[in-house]
């Protein structure tokens, strides 16, 4: 790379406050077609050769570009220019046009053909190529077919430039690449005709961003497209944020009218139109109209139908045979099953669908072990599954049998032919297993339960296990509670705490909390501790001290790697956002030996613990043994191993899976030194620290407290005020979710 003089290194500054460079692309060193990231050599107006890096979609040698950005120093490659914004131009003089056409950027044109085109048409060459391909065919060496192909390729390049110019004001370059990949040269026309197609079809574009574009384009506030998109957006938002599968029509109308600033009558008409177009579904029950999106409607009805079918067609075992199996299992295991445990085993063997619920220490795992042994002795193939990787790992450890995530069981991926990832086990490719046991079912939402049921063959047994008193799933639905409430399936609730579990204050206090009683906070030598602190500042300081000094010093590796802070809220001095900054500063402070990258005011540093906060079904990962797959899911926790600023990537290890993240994907991650109770579901940690500060009263609920406490394997440490403990124990308010599963179950015969 050429040396730079001081004036050139500064570069001209323009009105957007960044360095501006112009020139032609001399060489494309690297280009990623998926996200547009590229590394190129740029020949500048001052004849210096500059290495530029950044999002430069569809860049080609010979392209004339103006780029805005800043100078950076790459430890390996030296000075580089990091592009924040780029703009392509077509060359205007014959020499530049010849160089552009001769660079190979237009398929079908090499240096010789380029020279003939320029000789024939001069500065009109580009107009001829685009609009008169038949004239182009008059040139020696260009057939009519080749001329048409060249013209289409040229128009395609023009479409890319047009899209980049049009969308850059509203979306980033990576999102623009996605838009162009979807609609090609028609992308701008699609956006102009209906901007809301963008939020329905393009990952990363929500209603608000599409709406800003629509309003800028002059679309009327009461246009049918806007009203329809706003209604669907509100349904989706309520599913993601509140877990609602459907909404009462009146509530949907009122909410959408407020969101859109439109009359309720117009919104109601838009809903009717969507129902008529079969894009929304409606159900009338108990004098209330409920509105569903189409997929949620189909999933919920399918769950009811398939569960009913499984329960009907299963072979019923003889009672005497079951009793013999249980007695033999008791002899071989040396365990005398309690009355309810025996009833659970009977129910699982007598029924196609069985629900098993109960709190910690009540023997659910003992029942699972017994069923595994009995199914095995019957020659039945069994699958163990759980919603998250951590829950599956814990299930494997407790049963000494392989357990998989539901996604892995259903073979989530792109398939042999590639393409968009999907569940490869489904109605046309059923699971082989004769019995499926699903643990931590309170975390399973409607969509995942429907996907699982689609893959289970008729005649197979399904055992659904979970703690109904924990928080419901993050996704839409309340499957476990709805199934229990329906009364349609064999159900056993285990409530006896066994002797070994009785010695644990975690277990006895969890049950006390669940029954509305205060936990014991005065015991000093067990596994449940309370550290009283008056102010939020003291609470945060104590949590930081526990995690950085006291626990590591006392418990070694378990006190370092086995600690998880679980907070009731995100906001405030004792919320996860503030605690993550504080804990990062003491557990993984900045160092010249650790690379870091700041994204939307969040500092990501090598060595940081991070959590995936949305499902990414397509993200590629691999293991050290060479196995690979797709999908990192909401709640997965990993560690940042490497940050590469030059490639704009970071590598994260999730248990034994390694995944690479482009910097533009970092909105899918957040720090995980402290996590909310919802995000902790399905996981267990050796030591759990729970700060109880000034969170909103609505967040301080009994089932939230119970869920947090039951995440701990060896120790719980409460830090805060005793009145907050009492508030949570006494607050039995549970947020209601709009679901229809009980109704569908009652209607299916």
Foldseek 3Di string as FASTA:
>chain_A
DDDDDPVVQVADADPVGFHKWWAFFAAWPDADQQQQWTWTWGQTPVRDTAIETDRHHLHAGLWIKMFTAHWDQAPVPGIHGYGPAMATDADQALVSQLSNQQRCSQPLGHNVLSVQLCVVQPRCSLVCLQPPLVVSCVGPPAHSVSSVSSNVSSLQVVLLNVLSVVCVVQDPSRQSSQQCVVPGSCSVVVCLVALLVSCVPTPPDHLVSSVVSCVVSPPDLLDLSNLLSLLVRVCVCCQQAVQFQWAFPVVSLVVSCVVSVHDSVSSSVSLVVCVVVVQKDWDADPNTIIIHGNVSVVLLLLLLQLQVLLFPQADADDPVVLVVLVVVLCVVVVDDDDPLLSVQSNQQRGGQEEEEAEDPQLCPLVSVLSNVVSCVVVVFFEAEEEQDPQLQVVSCVSNVDHHYYLQVQQPWFQPPVGDDTDRNQFQVHAHPGQEYEYEQCQQDASVSSSRSSRRHDRNHHYYYYHHLLAAHHSGHDRPSVLVVVLPPGHYGYGYDRDPVRVQALLRVQLVCLSVLHFRDAPDDPHFEHEAADAALVVLLVVVLCQQQPVQCVVPPPLSHPQEAEAELAQDDSQHPVNSLVSNCCRNPNDDPVWDWDADPNAIAIAFFKKFFQAKDQAFKKAFPVGDIRGIDHHLQIWGWHDQRVSSQWTWTQRPRIITIDHVVPCVRMDTGSYYYLNSLRSAAGQEYEYEQHPDDLVSLASSSVSSRSSSHDGHYYYYYHVVSSSSHSNHHDDRDYHDCSSVSNVVHD
